[in-house]
Amino acid sequence: MLEVRTALPTELAAIGDLTADTYVAEGYVNGADGGYAATLRDAVTRAEQALLLVAVVDGALVGTVTLAFGGSGFAETAAPDEAVIRMLVTSPSARGQGVGNALVLACLDAAREAGCTVVRLSTQATMTAAHRVYERLGFTRTPADDWSPEPGVDLLTYALPLSFCGFCGRGLDGGHEACGRALELDPPRYCARCRRRMVVQVHPTGWSARCIEHGTLEG
C-alpha cells in the first residue's frame, strides 16, 4: 500500500541519493556530486528548512518531494503566504503507480493546513512527466514568472490557488463580486478546494453539491 508521510531522520541519506541520482539519470543536472547535484543530495538541510515528504510502499522508498514555505531557504521567490513544491522524484521502478500524484496532493493538503493561498513550482521544459501530474491536478502555467537561476537553465513556472470561486471555478484573486451575488441564490458549481465540477442537486428544502474528492456541501 502506498503511504505518503514526513521523512524520518534515518531515511535522509536514501532520500538524497534518490533525488540526486534521478536528476542525473534523467539529464536534468550535470555531474553526480558537485553543483546542484550536491544540493539535491543534501536531504538533511531540506528536512531542517522545509517539509520533506516521502512515498513508501511496504517500507520501501519510492518517491520524495520538498514543500517550502514563503520566507524559508528553499522557497525561491515565493511570498510569505505561498508555498513552493520542489525536487519531486519517483523511483523508476514505481512510475505509473500514482506516486507523483500522491506526493503533490500531500503537498497541497499541507499548504492548506499552513494557511497558504497559492502553491507554486518551477520546472525544466524537459520534465514532461511531472508537467502532466501538475496539470492534471489543476496547476496552470505562469509564463510571466519564468526565470533562470543560472545561465543556460531556463525554468517554467506553474501555480495553483488553494481557494476557488464556487460559482465560476477561478482562483479567488479578486473580481468575483457577481459570483458572490449569484451564490446567494444558487448552489456552488465548483469545489472551493480543488476546482472540480460538483454534482448539484436541488430539492424543495435546499440543495446539495458533491465533490468526488472533498465530500458534500448542503444549503
N, C-alpha and C. Protein backbone atom coordinates (compact mmCIF):
# COMPACT_ATOMS: atom_id res chain seq x y z
N MET A 1 0.84 -1.19 0.00
CA MET A 1 0.00 0.00 0.00
C MET A 1 0.88 1.26 0.00
N LEU A 2 0.52 2.22 -0.83
CA LEU A 2 1.26 3.46 -0.92
C LEU A 2 0.95 4.36 0.27
N GLU A 3 1.99 4.84 0.93
CA GLU A 3 1.85 5.75 2.06
C GLU A 3 2.71 6.98 1.83
N VAL A 4 2.16 8.17 2.07
CA VAL A 4 2.91 9.41 1.99
C VAL A 4 2.98 10.01 3.39
N ARG A 5 4.17 10.34 3.83
CA ARG A 5 4.36 10.86 5.18
C ARG A 5 5.61 11.71 5.24
N THR A 6 5.83 12.35 6.40
CA THR A 6 7.05 13.12 6.63
C THR A 6 8.25 12.17 6.70
N ALA A 7 9.35 12.60 6.13
CA ALA A 7 10.56 11.77 6.13
C ALA A 7 11.09 11.55 7.54
N LEU A 8 11.66 10.38 7.76
CA LEU A 8 12.32 10.05 9.03
C LEU A 8 13.80 10.38 8.95
N PRO A 9 14.43 10.72 10.08
CA PRO A 9 15.87 11.02 10.06
C PRO A 9 16.70 9.89 9.46
N THR A 10 16.29 8.65 9.68
CA THR A 10 17.05 7.51 9.17
C THR A 10 16.92 7.35 7.66
N GLU A 11 16.01 8.10 7.04
CA GLU A 11 15.79 7.98 5.60
C GLU A 11 16.50 9.06 4.79
N LEU A 12 17.11 10.04 5.45
CA LEU A 12 17.59 11.22 4.75
C LEU A 12 18.68 10.90 3.73
N ALA A 13 19.59 10.01 4.05
CA ALA A 13 20.64 9.67 3.09
C ALA A 13 20.05 9.03 1.84
N ALA A 14 19.11 8.12 2.03
CA ALA A 14 18.49 7.45 0.88
C ALA A 14 17.66 8.44 0.06
N ILE A 15 17.02 9.40 0.73
CA ILE A 15 16.24 10.41 0.02
C ILE A 15 17.15 11.27 -0.85
N GLY A 16 18.27 11.69 -0.27
CA GLY A 16 19.22 12.48 -1.04
C GLY A 16 19.74 11.74 -2.25
N ASP A 17 20.06 10.47 -2.07
CA ASP A 17 20.57 9.68 -3.20
C ASP A 17 19.50 9.50 -4.27
N LEU A 18 18.27 9.20 -3.87
CA LEU A 18 17.19 9.02 -4.84
C LEU A 18 16.98 10.30 -5.64
N THR A 19 16.96 11.43 -4.96
CA THR A 19 16.72 12.71 -5.64
C THR A 19 17.84 13.04 -6.61
N ALA A 20 19.07 13.01 -6.14
CA ALA A 20 20.20 13.37 -6.99
C ALA A 20 20.38 12.37 -8.12
N ASP A 21 20.31 11.09 -7.82
CA ASP A 21 20.54 10.07 -8.85
C ASP A 21 19.47 10.14 -9.94
N THR A 22 18.22 10.46 -9.56
CA THR A 22 17.16 10.58 -10.55
C THR A 22 17.40 11.77 -11.46
N TYR A 23 17.75 12.91 -10.89
CA TYR A 23 18.03 14.10 -11.70
C TYR A 23 19.20 13.84 -12.66
N VAL A 24 20.23 13.18 -12.17
CA VAL A 24 21.39 12.90 -13.02
C VAL A 24 21.02 11.92 -14.13
N ALA A 25 20.32 10.84 -13.78
CA ALA A 25 19.96 9.83 -14.77
C ALA A 25 19.06 10.39 -15.86
N GLU A 26 18.19 11.34 -15.50
CA GLU A 26 17.27 11.92 -16.47
C GLU A 26 17.90 13.08 -17.25
N GLY A 27 19.12 13.44 -16.89
CA GLY A 27 19.80 14.52 -17.60
C GLY A 27 19.42 15.91 -17.17
N TYR A 28 18.82 16.04 -15.98
CA TYR A 28 18.39 17.35 -15.51
C TYR A 28 19.53 18.14 -14.88
N VAL A 29 20.57 17.46 -14.43
CA VAL A 29 21.77 18.12 -13.91
C VAL A 29 22.99 17.39 -14.47
N ASN A 30 24.10 18.09 -14.50
CA ASN A 30 25.36 17.51 -14.96
C ASN A 30 26.23 17.17 -13.76
N GLY A 31 26.73 15.94 -13.75
CA GLY A 31 27.60 15.54 -12.64
C GLY A 31 26.80 15.00 -11.49
N ALA A 32 27.35 14.02 -10.80
CA ALA A 32 26.61 13.32 -9.75
C ALA A 32 26.79 13.92 -8.37
N ASP A 33 27.77 14.80 -8.19
CA ASP A 33 28.06 15.26 -6.83
C ASP A 33 28.17 16.78 -6.69
N GLY A 34 28.81 17.47 -7.59
CA GLY A 34 29.02 18.89 -7.44
C GLY A 34 27.82 19.72 -7.84
N GLY A 35 27.91 21.02 -7.65
CA GLY A 35 26.87 21.94 -8.09
C GLY A 35 25.50 21.62 -7.51
N TYR A 36 24.49 21.68 -8.37
CA TYR A 36 23.13 21.47 -7.89
C TYR A 36 22.91 20.03 -7.44
N ALA A 37 23.66 19.09 -7.99
CA ALA A 37 23.53 17.70 -7.54
C ALA A 37 23.84 17.58 -6.05
N ALA A 38 24.78 18.38 -5.57
CA ALA A 38 25.10 18.35 -4.13
C ALA A 38 23.93 18.86 -3.30
N THR A 39 23.23 19.87 -3.82
CA THR A 39 22.04 20.37 -3.13
C THR A 39 20.95 19.32 -3.10
N LEU A 40 20.77 18.62 -4.21
CA LEU A 40 19.77 17.56 -4.28
C LEU A 40 20.09 16.43 -3.30
N ARG A 41 21.37 16.16 -3.14
CA ARG A 41 21.76 15.05 -2.27
C ARG A 41 21.68 15.41 -0.79
N ASP A 42 21.60 16.70 -0.48
CA ASP A 42 21.60 17.17 0.91
C ASP A 42 20.16 17.21 1.45
N ALA A 43 19.62 16.06 1.74
CA ALA A 43 18.27 15.99 2.30
C ALA A 43 18.22 16.46 3.75
N VAL A 44 19.34 16.45 4.43
CA VAL A 44 19.38 16.89 5.82
C VAL A 44 18.99 18.36 5.92
N THR A 45 19.57 19.20 5.07
CA THR A 45 19.24 20.62 5.10
C THR A 45 17.80 20.86 4.70
N ARG A 46 17.31 20.12 3.72
CA ARG A 46 15.90 20.28 3.31
C ARG A 46 14.95 19.94 4.45
N ALA A 47 15.26 18.90 5.18
CA ALA A 47 14.40 18.50 6.30
C ALA A 47 14.41 19.55 7.41
N GLU A 48 15.50 20.29 7.52
CA GLU A 48 15.60 21.34 8.54
C GLU A 48 14.85 22.60 8.14
N GLN A 49 14.83 22.92 6.85
CA GLN A 49 14.31 24.20 6.40
C GLN A 49 12.96 24.11 5.69
N ALA A 50 12.47 22.91 5.41
CA ALA A 50 11.23 22.74 4.66
C ALA A 50 10.55 21.45 5.11
N LEU A 51 9.42 21.18 4.53
CA LEU A 51 8.70 19.92 4.80
C LEU A 51 9.16 18.90 3.78
N LEU A 52 9.79 17.85 4.23
CA LEU A 52 10.32 16.80 3.35
C LEU A 52 9.40 15.58 3.47
N LEU A 53 8.75 15.24 2.37
CA LEU A 53 7.81 14.13 2.35
C LEU A 53 8.38 12.96 1.56
N VAL A 54 7.94 11.76 1.92
CA VAL A 54 8.33 10.57 1.18
C VAL A 54 7.10 9.75 0.84
N ALA A 55 7.23 8.97 -0.21
CA ALA A 55 6.23 7.95 -0.55
C ALA A 55 6.90 6.60 -0.36
N VAL A 56 6.24 5.73 0.38
CA VAL A 56 6.80 4.39 0.63
C VAL A 56 5.75 3.34 0.31
N VAL A 57 6.22 2.20 -0.16
CA VAL A 57 5.38 1.04 -0.42
C VAL A 57 6.01 -0.15 0.30
N ASP A 58 5.28 -0.71 1.26
CA ASP A 58 5.80 -1.84 2.04
C ASP A 58 7.17 -1.52 2.63
N GLY A 59 7.32 -0.27 3.10
CA GLY A 59 8.55 0.14 3.74
C GLY A 59 9.65 0.59 2.81
N ALA A 60 9.45 0.44 1.50
CA ALA A 60 10.47 0.82 0.53
C ALA A 60 10.24 2.24 0.02
N LEU A 61 11.29 3.05 -0.03
CA LEU A 61 11.20 4.42 -0.51
C LEU A 61 11.00 4.42 -2.02
N VAL A 62 9.90 5.04 -2.49
CA VAL A 62 9.61 5.06 -3.92
C VAL A 62 9.46 6.48 -4.47
N GLY A 63 9.52 7.50 -3.62
CA GLY A 63 9.40 8.87 -4.11
C GLY A 63 9.59 9.86 -2.99
N THR A 64 9.84 11.11 -3.38
CA THR A 64 10.01 12.17 -2.39
C THR A 64 9.72 13.52 -3.01
N VAL A 65 9.39 14.48 -2.18
CA VAL A 65 9.16 15.86 -2.62
C VAL A 65 9.43 16.78 -1.44
N THR A 66 9.80 18.00 -1.76
CA THR A 66 10.03 19.03 -0.74
C THR A 66 9.00 20.13 -0.90
N LEU A 67 8.37 20.52 0.20
CA LEU A 67 7.45 21.64 0.21
C LEU A 67 8.05 22.74 1.07
N ALA A 68 8.38 23.87 0.43
CA ALA A 68 8.98 25.00 1.14
C ALA A 68 7.96 26.12 1.28
N PHE A 69 7.96 26.76 2.43
CA PHE A 69 7.03 27.84 2.70
C PHE A 69 7.72 29.20 2.53
N GLY A 70 6.94 30.19 2.08
CA GLY A 70 7.48 31.52 1.82
C GLY A 70 8.32 32.05 2.96
N GLY A 71 9.51 32.55 2.63
CA GLY A 71 10.42 33.05 3.65
C GLY A 71 11.50 32.07 4.06
N SER A 72 11.33 30.78 3.71
CA SER A 72 12.34 29.79 4.07
C SER A 72 13.42 29.71 2.99
N GLY A 73 14.49 28.99 3.28
CA GLY A 73 15.62 28.95 2.38
C GLY A 73 15.36 28.29 1.05
N PHE A 74 14.37 27.42 0.96
CA PHE A 74 14.09 26.70 -0.28
C PHE A 74 12.88 27.24 -1.02
N ALA A 75 12.34 28.36 -0.57
CA ALA A 75 11.09 28.87 -1.13
C ALA A 75 11.28 29.76 -2.36
N GLU A 76 12.51 29.92 -2.82
CA GLU A 76 12.79 30.72 -4.00
C GLU A 76 12.17 32.11 -3.85
N THR A 77 11.31 32.53 -4.77
CA THR A 77 10.75 33.89 -4.73
C THR A 77 9.32 33.92 -4.19
N ALA A 78 8.90 32.90 -3.48
CA ALA A 78 7.52 32.83 -3.00
C ALA A 78 7.24 33.91 -1.97
N ALA A 79 6.01 34.42 -2.00
CA ALA A 79 5.55 35.38 -1.00
C ALA A 79 5.33 34.67 0.34
N PRO A 80 5.23 35.42 1.43
CA PRO A 80 5.09 34.78 2.75
C PRO A 80 3.89 33.85 2.88
N ASP A 81 2.80 34.11 2.14
CA ASP A 81 1.61 33.27 2.26
C ASP A 81 1.54 32.22 1.16
N GLU A 82 2.68 31.92 0.53
CA GLU A 82 2.72 30.94 -0.55
C GLU A 82 3.63 29.77 -0.18
N ALA A 83 3.49 28.67 -0.90
CA ALA A 83 4.37 27.52 -0.73
C ALA A 83 4.90 27.11 -2.10
N VAL A 84 6.03 26.41 -2.09
CA VAL A 84 6.68 26.01 -3.33
C VAL A 84 6.98 24.51 -3.29
N ILE A 85 6.57 23.81 -4.33
CA ILE A 85 6.91 22.39 -4.48
C ILE A 85 8.26 22.29 -5.18
N ARG A 86 9.14 21.48 -4.61
CA ARG A 86 10.48 21.34 -5.19
C ARG A 86 10.93 19.88 -5.16
N MET A 87 11.77 19.53 -6.11
CA MET A 87 12.52 18.26 -6.10
C MET A 87 11.60 17.05 -6.01
N LEU A 88 10.57 17.02 -6.84
CA LEU A 88 9.67 15.87 -6.90
C LEU A 88 10.32 14.78 -7.73
N VAL A 89 10.51 13.61 -7.15
CA VAL A 89 11.06 12.47 -7.89
C VAL A 89 10.33 11.20 -7.51
N THR A 90 10.26 10.30 -8.47
CA THR A 90 9.70 8.96 -8.26
C THR A 90 10.73 7.94 -8.71
N SER A 91 10.88 6.89 -7.94
CA SER A 91 11.78 5.82 -8.31
C SER A 91 11.36 5.23 -9.66
N PRO A 92 12.31 4.96 -10.56
CA PRO A 92 11.94 4.38 -11.86
C PRO A 92 11.10 3.11 -11.75
N SER A 93 11.33 2.34 -10.71
CA SER A 93 10.60 1.08 -10.55
C SER A 93 9.15 1.27 -10.14
N ALA A 94 8.80 2.49 -9.71
CA ALA A 94 7.44 2.75 -9.21
C ALA A 94 6.65 3.70 -10.09
N ARG A 95 7.15 4.05 -11.25
CA ARG A 95 6.45 5.00 -12.09
C ARG A 95 5.19 4.39 -12.69
N GLY A 96 4.20 5.24 -12.90
CA GLY A 96 2.92 4.76 -13.41
C GLY A 96 2.00 4.23 -12.34
N GLN A 97 2.36 4.40 -11.07
CA GLN A 97 1.56 3.88 -9.96
C GLN A 97 0.93 5.00 -9.12
N GLY A 98 0.98 6.24 -9.62
CA GLY A 98 0.35 7.34 -8.90
C GLY A 98 1.17 7.93 -7.79
N VAL A 99 2.48 7.63 -7.75
CA VAL A 99 3.32 8.13 -6.67
C VAL A 99 3.46 9.65 -6.73
N GLY A 100 3.79 10.18 -7.90
CA GLY A 100 3.93 11.62 -8.03
C GLY A 100 2.65 12.35 -7.70
N ASN A 101 1.53 11.82 -8.16
CA ASN A 101 0.22 12.40 -7.89
C ASN A 101 -0.03 12.47 -6.38
N ALA A 102 0.25 11.37 -5.68
CA ALA A 102 0.02 11.32 -4.24
C ALA A 102 0.92 12.30 -3.49
N LEU A 103 2.16 12.44 -3.92
CA LEU A 103 3.07 13.38 -3.27
C LEU A 103 2.61 14.83 -3.44
N VAL A 104 2.17 15.17 -4.66
CA VAL A 104 1.71 16.54 -4.89
C VAL A 104 0.44 16.82 -4.09
N LEU A 105 -0.48 15.87 -4.04
CA LEU A 105 -1.70 16.06 -3.25
C LEU A 105 -1.38 16.27 -1.78
N ALA A 106 -0.39 15.53 -1.28
CA ALA A 106 0.02 15.72 0.12
C ALA A 106 0.59 17.12 0.34
N CYS A 107 1.33 17.62 -0.65
CA CYS A 107 1.84 18.99 -0.55
C CYS A 107 0.71 20.00 -0.49
N LEU A 108 -0.31 19.80 -1.32
CA LEU A 108 -1.45 20.73 -1.33
C LEU A 108 -2.17 20.72 0.01
N ASP A 109 -2.35 19.54 0.57
CA ASP A 109 -3.01 19.44 1.88
C ASP A 109 -2.19 20.15 2.95
N ALA A 110 -0.88 19.96 2.93
CA ALA A 110 -0.02 20.59 3.93
C ALA A 110 -0.01 22.11 3.77
N ALA A 111 -0.03 22.57 2.52
CA ALA A 111 -0.05 24.01 2.28
C ALA A 111 -1.35 24.63 2.77
N ARG A 112 -2.46 23.94 2.55
CA ARG A 112 -3.75 24.44 3.05
C ARG A 112 -3.74 24.51 4.58
N GLU A 113 -3.23 23.47 5.21
CA GLU A 113 -3.19 23.45 6.68
C GLU A 113 -2.33 24.57 7.22
N ALA A 114 -1.31 24.98 6.46
CA ALA A 114 -0.43 26.06 6.89
C ALA A 114 -1.00 27.43 6.57
N GLY A 115 -2.17 27.48 5.92
CA GLY A 115 -2.80 28.75 5.61
C GLY A 115 -2.30 29.42 4.34
N CYS A 116 -1.62 28.68 3.49
CA CYS A 116 -1.11 29.25 2.24
C CYS A 116 -2.25 29.51 1.26
N THR A 117 -2.08 30.51 0.43
CA THR A 117 -3.10 30.85 -0.55
C THR A 117 -2.79 30.31 -1.94
N VAL A 118 -1.50 30.07 -2.21
CA VAL A 118 -1.07 29.61 -3.53
C VAL A 118 0.08 28.64 -3.36
N VAL A 119 0.13 27.62 -4.22
CA VAL A 119 1.29 26.74 -4.31
C VAL A 119 1.93 26.96 -5.68
N ARG A 120 3.22 27.20 -5.68
CA ARG A 120 3.95 27.45 -6.92
C ARG A 120 5.03 26.39 -7.13
N LEU A 121 5.56 26.34 -8.34
CA LEU A 121 6.67 25.45 -8.62
C LEU A 121 7.39 25.92 -9.87
N SER A 122 8.65 25.54 -9.98
CA SER A 122 9.46 25.78 -11.17
C SER A 122 9.92 24.44 -11.70
N THR A 123 9.98 24.31 -13.01
CA THR A 123 10.30 23.03 -13.62
C THR A 123 11.02 23.23 -14.95
N GLN A 124 11.84 22.28 -15.31
CA GLN A 124 12.51 22.35 -16.59
C GLN A 124 11.56 21.91 -17.71
N ALA A 125 11.78 22.43 -18.89
CA ALA A 125 10.90 22.12 -20.02
C ALA A 125 10.88 20.64 -20.35
N THR A 126 11.96 19.93 -20.04
CA THR A 126 12.06 18.51 -20.38
C THR A 126 11.39 17.60 -19.35
N MET A 127 10.92 18.15 -18.25
CA MET A 127 10.28 17.33 -17.21
C MET A 127 8.80 17.10 -17.53
N THR A 128 8.55 16.49 -18.68
CA THR A 128 7.18 16.40 -19.19
C THR A 128 6.28 15.50 -18.34
N ALA A 129 6.84 14.45 -17.76
CA ALA A 129 6.01 13.58 -16.92
C ALA A 129 5.49 14.34 -15.71
N ALA A 130 6.35 15.16 -15.09
CA ALA A 130 5.92 15.98 -13.95
C ALA A 130 4.89 17.01 -14.38
N HIS A 131 5.06 17.59 -15.58
CA HIS A 131 4.09 18.57 -16.07
C HIS A 131 2.70 17.95 -16.14
N ARG A 132 2.62 16.72 -16.59
CA ARG A 132 1.30 16.06 -16.71
C ARG A 132 0.65 15.91 -15.34
N VAL A 133 1.46 15.58 -14.33
CA VAL A 133 0.92 15.47 -12.97
C VAL A 133 0.39 16.82 -12.51
N TYR A 134 1.17 17.87 -12.68
CA TYR A 134 0.76 19.19 -12.22
C TYR A 134 -0.52 19.66 -12.92
N GLU A 135 -0.55 19.50 -14.23
CA GLU A 135 -1.71 19.98 -14.99
C GLU A 135 -2.96 19.18 -14.67
N ARG A 136 -2.80 17.88 -14.44
CA ARG A 136 -3.94 17.06 -14.08
C ARG A 136 -4.55 17.50 -12.74
N LEU A 137 -3.73 18.02 -11.86
CA LEU A 137 -4.20 18.45 -10.53
C LEU A 137 -4.61 19.92 -10.50
N GLY A 138 -4.60 20.58 -11.66
CA GLY A 138 -5.14 21.94 -11.73
C GLY A 138 -4.12 23.05 -11.79
N PHE A 139 -2.84 22.76 -11.75
CA PHE A 139 -1.83 23.80 -11.90
C PHE A 139 -1.90 24.39 -13.30
N THR A 140 -1.64 25.69 -13.41
CA THR A 140 -1.61 26.36 -14.71
C THR A 140 -0.29 27.10 -14.87
N ARG A 141 0.11 27.26 -16.12
CA ARG A 141 1.36 27.95 -16.42
C ARG A 141 1.27 29.43 -16.06
N THR A 142 2.39 29.94 -15.55
CA THR A 142 2.51 31.38 -15.25
C THR A 142 3.75 31.91 -15.96
N PRO A 143 3.68 32.08 -17.28
CA PRO A 143 4.87 32.46 -18.06
C PRO A 143 5.54 33.74 -17.58
N ALA A 144 4.76 34.67 -17.03
CA ALA A 144 5.36 35.92 -16.57
C ALA A 144 6.35 35.71 -15.44
N ASP A 145 6.27 34.55 -14.76
CA ASP A 145 7.16 34.26 -13.64
C ASP A 145 8.32 33.36 -14.03
N ASP A 146 8.41 32.92 -15.29
CA ASP A 146 9.52 32.06 -15.72
C ASP A 146 10.85 32.75 -15.41
N TRP A 147 11.86 31.97 -15.05
CA TRP A 147 13.12 32.57 -14.62
C TRP A 147 14.28 31.63 -14.86
N SER A 148 15.48 32.15 -14.69
CA SER A 148 16.71 31.38 -14.88
C SER A 148 17.59 31.52 -13.64
N PRO A 149 17.78 30.45 -12.87
CA PRO A 149 18.64 30.54 -11.68
C PRO A 149 20.10 30.72 -12.04
N GLU A 150 20.48 30.30 -13.25
CA GLU A 150 21.85 30.48 -13.72
C GLU A 150 21.83 30.43 -15.25
N PRO A 151 22.84 30.96 -15.90
CA PRO A 151 22.85 30.96 -17.37
C PRO A 151 22.71 29.55 -17.94
N GLY A 152 21.83 29.43 -18.92
CA GLY A 152 21.61 28.13 -19.56
C GLY A 152 20.56 27.27 -18.90
N VAL A 153 20.04 27.68 -17.75
CA VAL A 153 18.99 26.93 -17.06
C VAL A 153 17.73 27.79 -17.05
N ASP A 154 16.79 27.44 -17.90
CA ASP A 154 15.55 28.20 -18.03
C ASP A 154 14.40 27.40 -17.42
N LEU A 155 13.73 27.98 -16.45
CA LEU A 155 12.69 27.28 -15.71
C LEU A 155 11.30 27.81 -16.07
N LEU A 156 10.37 26.88 -16.28
CA LEU A 156 8.97 27.21 -16.47
C LEU A 156 8.29 27.22 -15.11
N THR A 157 7.28 28.04 -14.94
CA THR A 157 6.59 28.11 -13.65
C THR A 157 5.11 27.78 -13.79
N TYR A 158 4.60 27.20 -12.71
CA TYR A 158 3.19 26.85 -12.57
C TYR A 158 2.69 27.37 -11.23
N ALA A 159 1.38 27.55 -11.13
CA ALA A 159 0.78 27.95 -9.85
C ALA A 159 -0.60 27.33 -9.72
N LEU A 160 -1.00 27.13 -8.48
CA LEU A 160 -2.34 26.62 -8.17
C LEU A 160 -2.89 27.38 -6.98
N PRO A 161 -3.92 28.22 -7.16
CA PRO A 161 -4.58 28.83 -6.00
C PRO A 161 -5.22 27.75 -5.14
N LEU A 162 -5.20 27.94 -3.84
CA LEU A 162 -5.76 26.93 -2.94
C LEU A 162 -7.21 27.19 -2.57
N SER A 163 -7.75 28.30 -3.02
CA SER A 163 -9.16 28.58 -2.84
C SER A 163 -9.73 29.02 -4.18
N PHE A 164 -10.89 28.45 -4.52
CA PHE A 164 -11.51 28.73 -5.81
C PHE A 164 -12.93 29.23 -5.63
N CYS A 165 -13.38 30.01 -6.60
CA CYS A 165 -14.73 30.51 -6.59
C CYS A 165 -15.71 29.37 -6.83
N GLY A 166 -16.69 29.22 -5.97
CA GLY A 166 -17.66 28.16 -6.12
C GLY A 166 -18.59 28.34 -7.31
N PHE A 167 -18.65 29.55 -7.84
CA PHE A 167 -19.56 29.81 -8.97
C PHE A 167 -18.87 29.64 -10.33
N CYS A 168 -17.67 30.25 -10.49
CA CYS A 168 -17.00 30.19 -11.80
C CYS A 168 -15.79 29.26 -11.82
N GLY A 169 -15.29 28.85 -10.65
CA GLY A 169 -14.17 27.93 -10.59
C GLY A 169 -12.81 28.57 -10.69
N ARG A 170 -12.72 29.88 -10.90
CA ARG A 170 -11.43 30.53 -10.99
C ARG A 170 -10.85 30.80 -9.59
N GLY A 171 -9.54 31.02 -9.56
CA GLY A 171 -8.90 31.33 -8.28
C GLY A 171 -9.44 32.61 -7.68
N LEU A 172 -9.46 32.67 -6.37
CA LEU A 172 -10.00 33.83 -5.67
C LEU A 172 -8.95 34.94 -5.63
N ASP A 173 -8.80 35.60 -6.76
CA ASP A 173 -7.82 36.67 -6.88
C ASP A 173 -8.47 38.00 -7.17
N GLY A 174 -9.69 38.18 -6.76
CA GLY A 174 -10.42 39.43 -7.00
C GLY A 174 -11.35 39.31 -8.19
N GLY A 175 -12.30 40.24 -8.26
CA GLY A 175 -13.21 40.28 -9.39
C GLY A 175 -14.33 39.26 -9.35
N HIS A 176 -14.75 38.84 -8.16
CA HIS A 176 -15.79 37.82 -8.06
C HIS A 176 -17.06 38.35 -7.40
N GLU A 177 -17.28 39.66 -7.47
CA GLU A 177 -18.46 40.23 -6.82
C GLU A 177 -19.75 39.65 -7.42
N ALA A 178 -19.81 39.54 -8.74
CA ALA A 178 -21.01 39.00 -9.38
C ALA A 178 -21.21 37.53 -9.01
N CYS A 179 -20.10 36.80 -8.88
CA CYS A 179 -20.20 35.40 -8.47
C CYS A 179 -20.77 35.29 -7.06
N GLY A 180 -20.33 36.18 -6.18
CA GLY A 180 -20.83 36.17 -4.82
C GLY A 180 -22.33 36.42 -4.76
N ARG A 181 -22.81 37.34 -5.60
CA ARG A 181 -24.25 37.61 -5.63
C ARG A 181 -25.00 36.40 -6.16
N ALA A 182 -24.42 35.72 -7.16
CA ALA A 182 -25.07 34.54 -7.72
C ALA A 182 -25.16 33.41 -6.70
N LEU A 183 -24.10 33.27 -5.88
CA LEU A 183 -24.09 32.20 -4.88
C LEU A 183 -25.05 32.46 -3.73
N GLU A 184 -25.57 33.67 -3.61
CA GLU A 184 -26.60 33.93 -2.61
C GLU A 184 -27.92 33.29 -3.02
N LEU A 185 -28.05 33.01 -4.31
CA LEU A 185 -29.30 32.43 -4.82
C LEU A 185 -29.16 30.99 -5.29
N ASP A 186 -27.98 30.63 -5.77
CA ASP A 186 -27.77 29.32 -6.37
C ASP A 186 -26.70 28.54 -5.62
N PRO A 187 -26.72 27.20 -5.72
CA PRO A 187 -25.68 26.40 -5.08
C PRO A 187 -24.36 26.55 -5.82
N PRO A 188 -23.24 26.25 -5.15
CA PRO A 188 -21.93 26.32 -5.83
C PRO A 188 -21.83 25.24 -6.90
N ARG A 189 -21.07 25.56 -7.94
CA ARG A 189 -20.86 24.61 -9.04
C ARG A 189 -19.50 23.93 -8.94
N TYR A 190 -18.55 24.59 -8.27
CA TYR A 190 -17.18 24.10 -8.21
C TYR A 190 -16.74 23.94 -6.76
N CYS A 191 -15.91 22.94 -6.53
CA CYS A 191 -15.34 22.74 -5.20
C CYS A 191 -14.34 23.86 -4.91
N ALA A 192 -14.46 24.50 -3.76
CA ALA A 192 -13.58 25.60 -3.41
C ALA A 192 -12.16 25.14 -3.09
N ARG A 193 -11.96 23.83 -2.87
CA ARG A 193 -10.64 23.31 -2.52
C ARG A 193 -9.88 22.78 -3.72
N CYS A 194 -10.57 22.14 -4.68
CA CYS A 194 -9.85 21.51 -5.79
C CYS A 194 -10.33 21.94 -7.17
N ARG A 195 -11.39 22.76 -7.24
CA ARG A 195 -11.92 23.29 -8.50
C ARG A 195 -12.60 22.21 -9.36
N ARG A 196 -12.86 21.05 -8.78
CA ARG A 196 -13.62 20.06 -9.54
C ARG A 196 -15.07 20.52 -9.70
N ARG A 197 -15.65 20.19 -10.83
CA ARG A 197 -17.08 20.45 -11.03
C ARG A 197 -17.86 19.53 -10.10
N MET A 198 -18.80 20.08 -9.35
CA MET A 198 -19.54 19.29 -8.38
C MET A 198 -20.87 18.82 -8.96
N VAL A 199 -21.37 17.74 -8.38
CA VAL A 199 -22.69 17.22 -8.74
C VAL A 199 -23.72 17.93 -7.86
N VAL A 200 -24.57 18.71 -8.48
CA VAL A 200 -25.52 19.56 -7.74
C VAL A 200 -26.92 18.99 -7.84
N GLN A 201 -27.59 18.93 -6.71
CA GLN A 201 -29.00 18.52 -6.67
C GLN A 201 -29.79 19.57 -5.89
N VAL A 202 -30.88 20.01 -6.48
CA VAL A 202 -31.77 20.98 -5.84
C VAL A 202 -33.06 20.26 -5.45
N HIS A 203 -33.47 20.45 -4.20
CA HIS A 203 -34.69 19.80 -3.72
C HIS A 203 -35.55 20.85 -3.02
N PRO A 204 -36.77 20.52 -2.65
CA PRO A 204 -37.71 21.53 -2.12
C PRO A 204 -37.20 22.30 -0.90
N THR A 205 -36.35 21.70 -0.10
CA THR A 205 -35.90 22.38 1.12
C THR A 205 -34.47 22.90 1.04
N GLY A 206 -33.82 22.80 -0.09
CA GLY A 206 -32.44 23.28 -0.20
C GLY A 206 -31.70 22.64 -1.35
N TRP A 207 -30.40 22.42 -1.17
CA TRP A 207 -29.59 21.86 -2.23
C TRP A 207 -28.41 21.09 -1.63
N SER A 208 -27.78 20.27 -2.46
CA SER A 208 -26.53 19.61 -2.08
C SER A 208 -25.59 19.70 -3.28
N ALA A 209 -24.30 19.81 -2.99
CA ALA A 209 -23.28 19.88 -4.04
C ALA A 209 -22.15 18.96 -3.62
N ARG A 210 -21.88 17.93 -4.43
CA ARG A 210 -20.93 16.89 -4.02
C ARG A 210 -19.68 16.92 -4.89
N CYS A 211 -18.52 16.98 -4.20
CA CYS A 211 -17.23 16.85 -4.85
C CYS A 211 -16.74 15.42 -4.61
N ILE A 212 -16.27 14.75 -5.66
CA ILE A 212 -15.85 13.36 -5.50
C ILE A 212 -14.62 13.23 -4.60
N GLU A 213 -13.89 14.33 -4.40
CA GLU A 213 -12.68 14.29 -3.57
C GLU A 213 -12.93 14.79 -2.16
N HIS A 214 -13.79 15.84 -2.01
CA HIS A 214 -13.90 16.52 -0.71
C HIS A 214 -15.29 16.49 -0.09
N GLY A 215 -16.17 15.64 -0.60
CA GLY A 215 -17.44 15.44 0.07
C GLY A 215 -18.55 16.38 -0.37
N THR A 216 -19.58 16.48 0.46
CA THR A 216 -20.82 17.15 0.08
C THR A 216 -21.07 18.39 0.93
N LEU A 217 -21.49 19.45 0.26
CA LEU A 217 -21.98 20.65 0.93
C LEU A 217 -23.49 20.68 0.82
N GLU A 218 -24.14 21.25 1.83
CA GLU A 218 -25.61 21.35 1.79
C GLU A 218 -26.02 22.78 2.14
N GLY A 219 -27.10 23.20 1.54
CA GLY A 219 -27.60 24.54 1.82
C GLY A 219 -29.10 24.61 1.69
